Amino acid sequence: MLGTRLDANLEKELTEYARKLGQTKSAVVKAALREYLCNKRSSREHDRLTLKGWHQIENGEGLSPEDVYAYLDTWGPDEPV
């Protein structure tokens, strides 16, 4: 069980939003917290993969510029269609 104090403005906004959705304030807060935690998890994973990529580049494990350009050339013509 968690109890959280909200300032008057946030409490009012939450009450109005929950009423518009036809949900309880508790349900709105739970959904918001789930979304927040999911976004944080995704952000940490993105950061982890970015750092992994930088380490690979620093260790010479990345692609050469020639390989990158060769791959990009498979995308289609240079001129807009």
PDB file of N, CA and C in Angstrom:
ATOM      1  N   MET A   1       0.858  -1.173   0.000  1.00  0.00           N
ATOM      2  CA  MET A   1       0.000   0.000   0.000  1.00  0.00           C
ATOM      3  C   MET A   1       0.898   1.228   0.000  1.00  0.00           C
ATOM      4  N   LEU A   2       0.511   2.219  -0.759  1.00  0.00           N
ATOM      5  CA  LEU A   2       1.287   3.445  -0.872  1.00  0.00           C
ATOM      6  C   LEU A   2       0.361   4.629  -0.679  1.00  0.00           C
ATOM      7  N   GLY A   3       0.753   5.539   0.133  1.00  0.00           N
ATOM      8  CA  GLY A   3       0.001   6.779   0.293  1.00  0.00           C
ATOM      9  C   GLY A   3       0.872   7.929  -0.167  1.00  0.00           C
ATOM     10  N   THR A   4       0.337   8.790  -0.994  1.00  0.00           N
ATOM     11  CA  THR A   4       1.102   9.915  -1.522  1.00  0.00           C
ATOM     12  C   THR A   4       0.302  11.202  -1.360  1.00  0.00           C
ATOM     13  N   ARG A   5       0.953  12.223  -0.857  1.00  0.00           N
ATOM     14  CA  ARG A   5       0.300  13.520  -0.731  1.00  0.00           C
ATOM     15  C   ARG A   5       0.530  14.315  -2.009  1.00  0.00           C
ATOM     16  N   LEU A   6      -0.517  14.909  -2.527  1.00  0.00           N
ATOM     17  CA  LEU A   6      -0.430  15.726  -3.727  1.00  0.00           C
ATOM     18  C   LEU A   6      -0.714  17.166  -3.349  1.00  0.00           C
ATOM     19  N   ASP A   7      -0.068  18.092  -4.066  1.00  0.00           N
ATOM     20  CA  ASP A   7      -0.414  19.484  -3.822  1.00  0.00           C
ATOM     21  C   ASP A   7      -1.813  19.739  -4.363  1.00  0.00           C
ATOM     22  N   ALA A   8      -2.418  20.839  -3.944  1.00  0.00           N
ATOM     23  CA  ALA A   8      -3.823  21.120  -4.262  1.00  0.00           C
ATOM     24  C   ALA A   8      -4.080  21.162  -5.763  1.00  0.00           C
ATOM     25  N   ASN A   9      -3.181  21.762  -6.522  1.00  0.00           N
ATOM     26  CA  ASN A   9      -3.381  21.864  -7.978  1.00  0.00           C
ATOM     27  C   ASN A   9      -3.335  20.500  -8.656  1.00  0.00           C
ATOM     28  N   LEU A  10      -2.380  19.677  -8.251  1.00  0.00           N
ATOM     29  CA  LEU A  10      -2.263  18.343  -8.845  1.00  0.00           C
ATOM     30  C   LEU A  10      -3.460  17.477  -8.458  1.00  0.00           C
ATOM     31  N   GLU A  11      -3.898  17.601  -7.221  1.00  0.00           N
ATOM     32  CA  GLU A  11      -5.078  16.857  -6.766  1.00  0.00           C
ATOM     33  C   GLU A  11      -6.311  17.244  -7.586  1.00  0.00           C
ATOM     34  N   LYS A  12      -6.476  18.534  -7.814  1.00  0.00           N
ATOM     35  CA  LYS A  12      -7.618  19.021  -8.597  1.00  0.00           C
ATOM     36  C   LYS A  12      -7.545  18.505 -10.032  1.00  0.00           C
ATOM     37  N   GLU A  13      -6.364  18.592 -10.627  1.00  0.00           N
ATOM     38  CA  GLU A  13      -6.186  18.133 -12.011  1.00  0.00           C
ATOM     39  C   GLU A  13      -6.450  16.633 -12.116  1.00  0.00           C
ATOM     40  N   LEU A  14      -5.953  15.873 -11.162  1.00  0.00           N
ATOM     41  CA  LEU A  14      -6.170  14.428 -11.149  1.00  0.00           C
ATOM     42  C   LEU A  14      -7.653  14.111 -11.007  1.00  0.00           C
ATOM     43  N   THR A  15      -8.321  14.804 -10.116  1.00  0.00           N
ATOM     44  CA  THR A  15      -9.752  14.577  -9.901  1.00  0.00           C
ATOM     45  C   THR A  15     -10.542  14.843 -11.168  1.00  0.00           C
ATOM     46  N   GLU A  16     -10.256  15.969 -11.825  1.00  0.00           N
ATOM     47  CA  GLU A  16     -10.963  16.328 -13.059  1.00  0.00           C
ATOM     48  C   GLU A  16     -10.680  15.318 -14.171  1.00  0.00           C
ATOM     49  N   TYR A  17      -9.430  14.917 -14.302  1.00  0.00           N
ATOM     50  CA  TYR A  17      -9.053  13.962 -15.357  1.00  0.00           C
ATOM     51  C   TYR A  17      -9.719  12.615 -15.133  1.00  0.00           C
ATOM     52  N   ALA A  18      -9.696  12.142 -13.888  1.00  0.00           N
ATOM     53  CA  ALA A  18     -10.317  10.858 -13.577  1.00  0.00           C
ATOM     54  C   ALA A  18     -11.818  10.912 -13.846  1.00  0.00           C
ATOM     55  N   ARG A  19     -12.446  12.018 -13.500  1.00  0.00           N
ATOM     56  CA  ARG A  19     -13.884  12.162 -13.738  1.00  0.00           C
ATOM     57  C   ARG A  19     -14.182  12.126 -15.243  1.00  0.00           C
ATOM     58  N   LYS A  20     -13.369  12.810 -16.046  1.00  0.00           N
ATOM     59  CA  LYS A  20     -13.577  12.824 -17.498  1.00  0.00           C
ATOM     60  C   LYS A  20     -13.422  11.419 -18.087  1.00  0.00           C
ATOM     61  N   LEU A  21     -12.512  10.642 -17.532  1.00  0.00           N
ATOM     62  CA  LEU A  21     -12.291   9.275 -18.025  1.00  0.00           C
ATOM     63  C   LEU A  21     -13.290   8.284 -17.458  1.00  0.00           C
ATOM     64  N   GLY A  22     -13.977   8.691 -16.420  1.00  0.00           N
ATOM     65  CA  GLY A  22     -14.898   7.769 -15.762  1.00  0.00           C
ATOM     66  C   GLY A  22     -14.159   6.702 -14.971  1.00  0.00           C
ATOM     67  N   GLN A  23     -12.996   7.070 -14.457  1.00  0.00           N
ATOM     68  CA  GLN A  23     -12.175   6.139 -13.683  1.00  0.00           C
ATOM     69  C   GLN A  23     -11.910   6.719 -12.300  1.00  0.00           C
ATOM     70  N   THR A  24     -11.441   5.871 -11.415  1.00  0.00           N
ATOM     71  CA  THR A  24     -11.046   6.363 -10.102  1.00  0.00           C
ATOM     72  C   THR A  24      -9.689   7.047 -10.215  1.00  0.00           C
ATOM     73  N   LYS A  25      -9.411   7.914  -9.252  1.00  0.00           N
ATOM     74  CA  LYS A  25      -8.093   8.558  -9.225  1.00  0.00           C
ATOM     75  C   LYS A  25      -7.002   7.505  -9.055  1.00  0.00           C
ATOM     76  N   SER A  26      -7.276   6.497  -8.273  1.00  0.00           N
ATOM     77  CA  SER A  26      -6.304   5.433  -8.059  1.00  0.00           C
ATOM     78  C   SER A  26      -5.960   4.734  -9.373  1.00  0.00           C
ATOM     79  N   ALA A  27      -6.973   4.453 -10.191  1.00  0.00           N
ATOM     80  CA  ALA A  27      -6.734   3.783 -11.476  1.00  0.00           C
ATOM     81  C   ALA A  27      -5.894   4.662 -12.404  1.00  0.00           C
ATOM     82  N   VAL A  28      -6.160   5.965 -12.400  1.00  0.00           N
ATOM     83  CA  VAL A  28      -5.401   6.890 -13.248  1.00  0.00           C
ATOM     84  C   VAL A  28      -3.944   6.941 -12.790  1.00  0.00           C
ATOM     85  N   VAL A  29      -3.737   7.021 -11.482  1.00  0.00           N
ATOM     86  CA  VAL A  29      -2.372   7.075 -10.950  1.00  0.00           C
ATOM     87  C   VAL A  29      -1.628   5.783 -11.246  1.00  0.00           C
ATOM     88  N   LYS A  30      -2.280   4.633 -11.091  1.00  0.00           N
ATOM     89  CA  LYS A  30      -1.636   3.348 -11.396  1.00  0.00           C
ATOM     90  C   LYS A  30      -1.226   3.285 -12.865  1.00  0.00           C
ATOM     91  N   ALA A  31      -2.118   3.711 -13.760  1.00  0.00           N
ATOM     92  CA  ALA A  31      -1.797   3.688 -15.191  1.00  0.00           C
ATOM     93  C   ALA A  31      -0.638   4.630 -15.501  1.00  0.00           C
ATOM     94  N   ALA A  32      -0.653   5.804 -14.877  1.00  0.00           N
ATOM     95  CA  ALA A  32       0.427   6.768 -15.113  1.00  0.00           C
ATOM     96  C   ALA A  32       1.759   6.231 -14.604  1.00  0.00           C
ATOM     97  N   LEU A  33       1.739   5.582 -13.444  1.00  0.00           N
ATOM     98  CA  LEU A  33       2.966   5.027 -12.887  1.00  0.00           C
ATOM     99  C   LEU A  33       3.490   3.881 -13.749  1.00  0.00           C
ATOM    100  N   ARG A  34       2.591   3.034 -14.250  1.00  0.00           N
ATOM    101  CA  ARG A  34       3.017   1.948 -15.148  1.00  0.00           C
ATOM    102  C   ARG A  34       3.695   2.517 -16.395  1.00  0.00           C
ATOM    103  N   GLU A  35       3.073   3.533 -16.987  1.00  0.00           N
ATOM    104  CA  GLU A  35       3.640   4.140 -18.194  1.00  0.00           C
ATOM    105  C   GLU A  35       4.990   4.788 -17.897  1.00  0.00           C
ATOM    106  N   TYR A  36       5.083   5.489 -16.774  1.00  0.00           N
ATOM    107  CA  TYR A  36       6.337   6.132 -16.379  1.00  0.00           C
ATOM    108  C   TYR A  36       7.447   5.097 -16.225  1.00  0.00           C
ATOM    109  N   LEU A  37       7.157   4.009 -15.497  1.00  0.00           N
ATOM    110  CA  LEU A  37       8.166   2.980 -15.274  1.00  0.00           C
ATOM    111  C   LEU A  37       8.555   2.279 -16.573  1.00  0.00           C
ATOM    112  N   CYS A  38       7.592   2.056 -17.454  1.00  0.00           N
ATOM    113  CA  CYS A  38       7.876   1.453 -18.760  1.00  0.00           C
ATOM    114  C   CYS A  38       8.789   2.364 -19.571  1.00  0.00           C
ATOM    115  N   ASN A  39       8.503   3.666 -19.567  1.00  0.00           N
ATOM    116  CA  ASN A  39       9.339   4.624 -20.298  1.00  0.00           C
ATOM    117  C   ASN A  39      10.747   4.670 -19.725  1.00  0.00           C
ATOM    118  N   LYS A  40      10.862   4.630 -18.406  1.00  0.00           N
ATOM    119  CA  LYS A  40      12.182   4.639 -17.776  1.00  0.00           C
ATOM    120  C   LYS A  40      12.963   3.375 -18.138  1.00  0.00           C
ATOM    121  N   ARG A  41      12.283   2.239 -18.125  1.00  0.00           N
ATOM    122  CA  ARG A  41      12.917   0.974 -18.495  1.00  0.00           C
ATOM    123  C   ARG A  41      13.409   1.039 -19.944  1.00  0.00           C
ATOM    124  N   SER A  42      12.571   1.563 -20.832  1.00  0.00           N
ATOM    125  CA  SER A  42      12.950   1.687 -22.246  1.00  0.00           C
ATOM    126  C   SER A  42      14.132   2.634 -22.409  1.00  0.00           C
ATOM    127  N   SER A  43      14.119   3.717 -21.662  1.00  0.00           N
ATOM    128  CA  SER A  43      15.204   4.687 -21.741  1.00  0.00           C
ATOM    129  C   SER A  43      16.519   4.079 -21.263  1.00  0.00           C
ATOM    130  N   ARG A  44      16.475   3.333 -20.163  1.00  0.00           N
ATOM    131  CA  ARG A  44      17.688   2.674 -19.672  1.00  0.00           C
ATOM    132  C   ARG A  44      18.207   1.663 -20.687  1.00  0.00           C
ATOM    133  N   GLU A  45      17.304   0.913 -21.326  1.00  0.00           N
ATOM    134  CA  GLU A  45      17.718  -0.068 -22.333  1.00  0.00           C
ATOM    135  C   GLU A  45      18.345   0.631 -23.533  1.00  0.00           C
ATOM    136  N   HIS A  46      17.752   1.741 -23.953  1.00  0.00           N
ATOM    137  CA  HIS A  46      18.311   2.513 -25.064  1.00  0.00           C
ATOM    138  C   HIS A  46      19.718   3.006 -24.705  1.00  0.00           C
ATOM    139  N   ASP A  47      19.878   3.529 -23.490  1.00  0.00           N
ATOM    140  CA  ASP A  47      21.193   3.992 -23.047  1.00  0.00           C
ATOM    141  C   ASP A  47      22.195   2.846 -23.023  1.00  0.00           C
ATOM    142  N   ARG A  48      21.760   1.683 -22.545  1.00  0.00           N
ATOM    143  CA  ARG A  48      22.643   0.517 -22.482  1.00  0.00           C
ATOM    144  C   ARG A  48      23.124   0.111 -23.871  1.00  0.00           C
ATOM    145  N   LEU A  49      22.185   0.088 -24.822  1.00  0.00           N
ATOM    146  CA  LEU A  49      22.545  -0.298 -26.190  1.00  0.00           C
ATOM    147  C   LEU A  49      23.444   0.750 -26.846  1.00  0.00           C
ATOM    148  N   THR A  50      23.201   2.020 -26.534  1.00  0.00           N
ATOM    149  CA  THR A  50      24.050   3.086 -27.075  1.00  0.00           C
ATOM    150  C   THR A  50      25.473   2.950 -26.566  1.00  0.00           C
ATOM    151  N   LEU A  51      25.625   2.738 -25.254  1.00  0.00           N
ATOM    152  CA  LEU A  51      26.965   2.554 -24.689  1.00  0.00           C
ATOM    153  C   LEU A  51      27.646   1.316 -25.251  1.00  0.00           C
ATOM    154  N   LYS A  52      26.877   0.246 -25.430  1.00  0.00           N
ATOM    155  CA  LYS A  52      27.431  -0.968 -26.024  1.00  0.00           C
ATOM    156  C   LYS A  52      27.962  -0.674 -27.424  1.00  0.00           C
ATOM    157  N   GLY A  53      27.188   0.092 -28.199  1.00  0.00           N
ATOM    158  CA  GLY A  53      27.618   0.457 -29.545  1.00  0.00           C
ATOM    159  C   GLY A  53      28.884   1.293 -29.543  1.00  0.00           C
ATOM    160  N   TRP A  54      28.965   2.251 -28.614  1.00  0.00           N
ATOM    161  CA  TRP A  54      30.181   3.079 -28.523  1.00  0.00           C
ATOM    162  C   TRP A  54      31.388   2.220 -28.169  1.00  0.00           C
ATOM    163  N   HIS A  55      31.215   1.284 -27.243  1.00  0.00           N
ATOM    164  CA  HIS A  55      32.327   0.400 -26.881  1.00  0.00           C
ATOM    165  C   HIS A  55      32.760  -0.451 -28.072  1.00  0.00           C
ATOM    166  N   GLN A  56      31.802  -0.909 -28.850  1.00  0.00           N
ATOM    167  CA  GLN A  56      32.139  -1.697 -30.037  1.00  0.00           C
ATOM    168  C   GLN A  56      32.929  -0.852 -31.029  1.00  0.00           C
ATOM    169  N   ILE A  57      32.508   0.390 -31.215  1.00  0.00           N
ATOM    170  CA  ILE A  57      33.229   1.286 -32.133  1.00  0.00           C
ATOM    171  C   ILE A  57      34.649   1.526 -31.624  1.00  0.00           C
ATOM    172  N   GLU A  58      34.775   1.809 -30.304  1.00  0.00           N
ATOM    173  CA  GLU A  58      36.100   2.046 -29.723  1.00  0.00           C
ATOM    174  C   GLU A  58      37.013   0.837 -29.857  1.00  0.00           C
ATOM    175  N   ASN A  59      36.432  -0.350 -29.857  1.00  0.00           N
ATOM    176  CA  ASN A  59      37.220  -1.579 -29.971  1.00  0.00           C
ATOM    177  C   ASN A  59      37.385  -2.043 -31.412  1.00  0.00           C
ATOM    178  N   GLY A  60      36.984  -1.227 -32.352  1.00  0.00           N
ATOM    179  CA  GLY A  60      37.141  -1.566 -33.758  1.00  0.00           C
ATOM    180  C   GLY A  60      36.165  -2.611 -34.254  1.00  0.00           C
ATOM    181  N   GLU A  61      35.070  -2.798 -33.530  1.00  0.00           N
ATOM    182  CA  GLU A  61      34.103  -3.824 -33.915  1.00  0.00           C
ATOM    183  C   GLU A  61      32.989  -3.272 -34.808  1.00  0.00           C
ATOM    184  N   GLY A  62      33.008  -1.994 -35.088  1.00  0.00           N
ATOM    185  CA  GLY A  62      31.956  -1.400 -35.901  1.00  0.00           C
ATOM    186  C   GLY A  62      32.176  -1.648 -37.380  1.00  0.00           C
ATOM    187  N   LEU A  63      31.244  -1.148 -38.167  1.00  0.00           N
ATOM    188  CA  LEU A  63      31.362  -1.275 -39.620  1.00  0.00           C
ATOM    189  C   LEU A  63      32.265  -0.184 -40.169  1.00  0.00           C
ATOM    190  N   SER A  64      32.927  -0.481 -41.252  1.00  0.00           N
ATOM    191  CA  SER A  64      33.742   0.525 -41.916  1.00  0.00           C
ATOM    192  C   SER A  64      32.815   1.484 -42.659  1.00  0.00           C
ATOM    193  N   PRO A  65      33.282   2.695 -42.924  1.00  0.00           N
ATOM    194  CA  PRO A  65      32.459   3.625 -43.712  1.00  0.00           C
ATOM    195  C   PRO A  65      32.066   3.026 -45.062  1.00  0.00           C
ATOM    196  N   GLU A  66      32.963   2.261 -45.656  1.00  0.00           N
ATOM    197  CA  GLU A  66      32.662   1.654 -46.952  1.00  0.00           C
ATOM    198  C   GLU A  66      31.487   0.681 -46.831  1.00  0.00           C
ATOM    199  N   ASP A  67      31.457  -0.098 -45.763  1.00  0.00           N
ATOM    200  CA  ASP A  67      30.347  -1.031 -45.544  1.00  0.00           C
ATOM    201  C   ASP A  67      29.028  -0.284 -45.343  1.00  0.00           C
ATOM    202  N   VAL A  68      29.106   0.808 -44.615  1.00  0.00           N
ATOM    203  CA  VAL A  68      27.889   1.605 -44.376  1.00  0.00           C
ATOM    204  C   VAL A  68      27.373   2.167 -45.691  1.00  0.00           C
ATOM    205  N   TYR A  69      28.262   2.749 -46.486  1.00  0.00           N
ATOM    206  CA  TYR A  69      27.827   3.318 -47.768  1.00  0.00           C
ATOM    207  C   TYR A  69      27.306   2.242 -48.716  1.00  0.00           C
ATOM    208  N   ALA A  70      27.941   1.088 -48.705  1.00  0.00           N
ATOM    209  CA  ALA A  70      27.467  -0.007 -49.555  1.00  0.00           C
ATOM    210  C   ALA A  70      26.059  -0.415 -49.139  1.00  0.00           C
ATOM    211  N   TYR A  71      25.803  -0.465 -47.836  1.00  0.00           N
ATOM    212  CA  TYR A  71      24.460  -0.801 -47.363  1.00  0.00           C
ATOM    213  C   TYR A  71      23.460   0.284 -47.750  1.00  0.00           C
ATOM    214  N   LEU A  72      23.831   1.531 -47.576  1.00  0.00           N
ATOM    215  CA  LEU A  72      22.925   2.628 -47.928  1.00  0.00           C
ATOM    216  C   LEU A  72      22.610   2.639 -49.417  1.00  0.00           C
ATOM    217  N   ASP A  73      23.569   2.222 -50.228  1.00  0.00           N
ATOM    218  CA  ASP A  73      23.321   2.157 -51.670  1.00  0.00           C
ATOM    219  C   ASP A  73      22.220   1.155 -52.032  1.00  0.00           C
ATOM    220  N   THR A  74      21.930   0.208 -51.150  1.00  0.00           N
ATOM    221  CA  THR A  74      20.877  -0.755 -51.430  1.00  0.00           C
ATOM    222  C   THR A  74      19.481  -0.181 -51.172  1.00  0.00           C
ATOM    223  N   TRP A  75      19.396   1.037 -50.633  1.00  0.00           N
ATOM    224  CA  TRP A  75      18.124   1.639 -50.280  1.00  0.00           C
ATOM    225  C   TRP A  75      17.353   2.170 -51.487  1.00  0.00           C
ATOM    226  N   GLY A  76      18.027   2.413 -52.573  1.00  0.00           N
ATOM    227  CA  GLY A  76      17.315   2.896 -53.751  1.00  0.00           C
ATOM    228  C   GLY A  76      18.083   4.028 -54.427  1.00  0.00           C
ATOM    229  N   PRO A  77      17.441   4.670 -55.406  1.00  0.00           N
ATOM    230  CA  PRO A  77      18.117   5.724 -56.177  1.00  0.00           C
ATOM    231  C   PRO A  77      18.413   6.969 -55.338  1.00  0.00           C
ATOM    232  N   ASP A  78      19.429   7.706 -55.777  1.00  0.00           N
ATOM    233  CA  ASP A  78      19.800   8.952 -55.081  1.00  0.00           C
ATOM    234  C   ASP A  78      18.766  10.044 -55.315  1.00  0.00           C
ATOM    235  N   GLU A  79      18.122  10.008 -56.464  1.00  0.00           N
ATOM    236  CA  GLU A  79      17.171  11.065 -56.823  1.00  0.00           C
ATOM    237  C   GLU A  79      15.780  10.732 -56.275  1.00  0.00           C
ATOM    238  N   PRO A  80      15.083  11.765 -55.778  1.00  0.00           N
ATOM    239  CA  PRO A  80      13.705  11.526 -55.280  1.00  0.00           C
ATOM    240  C   PRO A  80      12.811  11.018 -56.397  1.00  0.00           C
ATOM    241  N   VAL A  81      11.910  10.161 -56.038  1.00  0.00           N
ATOM    242  CA  VAL A  81      10.981   9.581 -57.020  1.00  0.00           C
ATOM    243  C   VAL A  81       9.769  10.457 -57.137  1.00  0.00           C
TER     244      VAL A  81
END
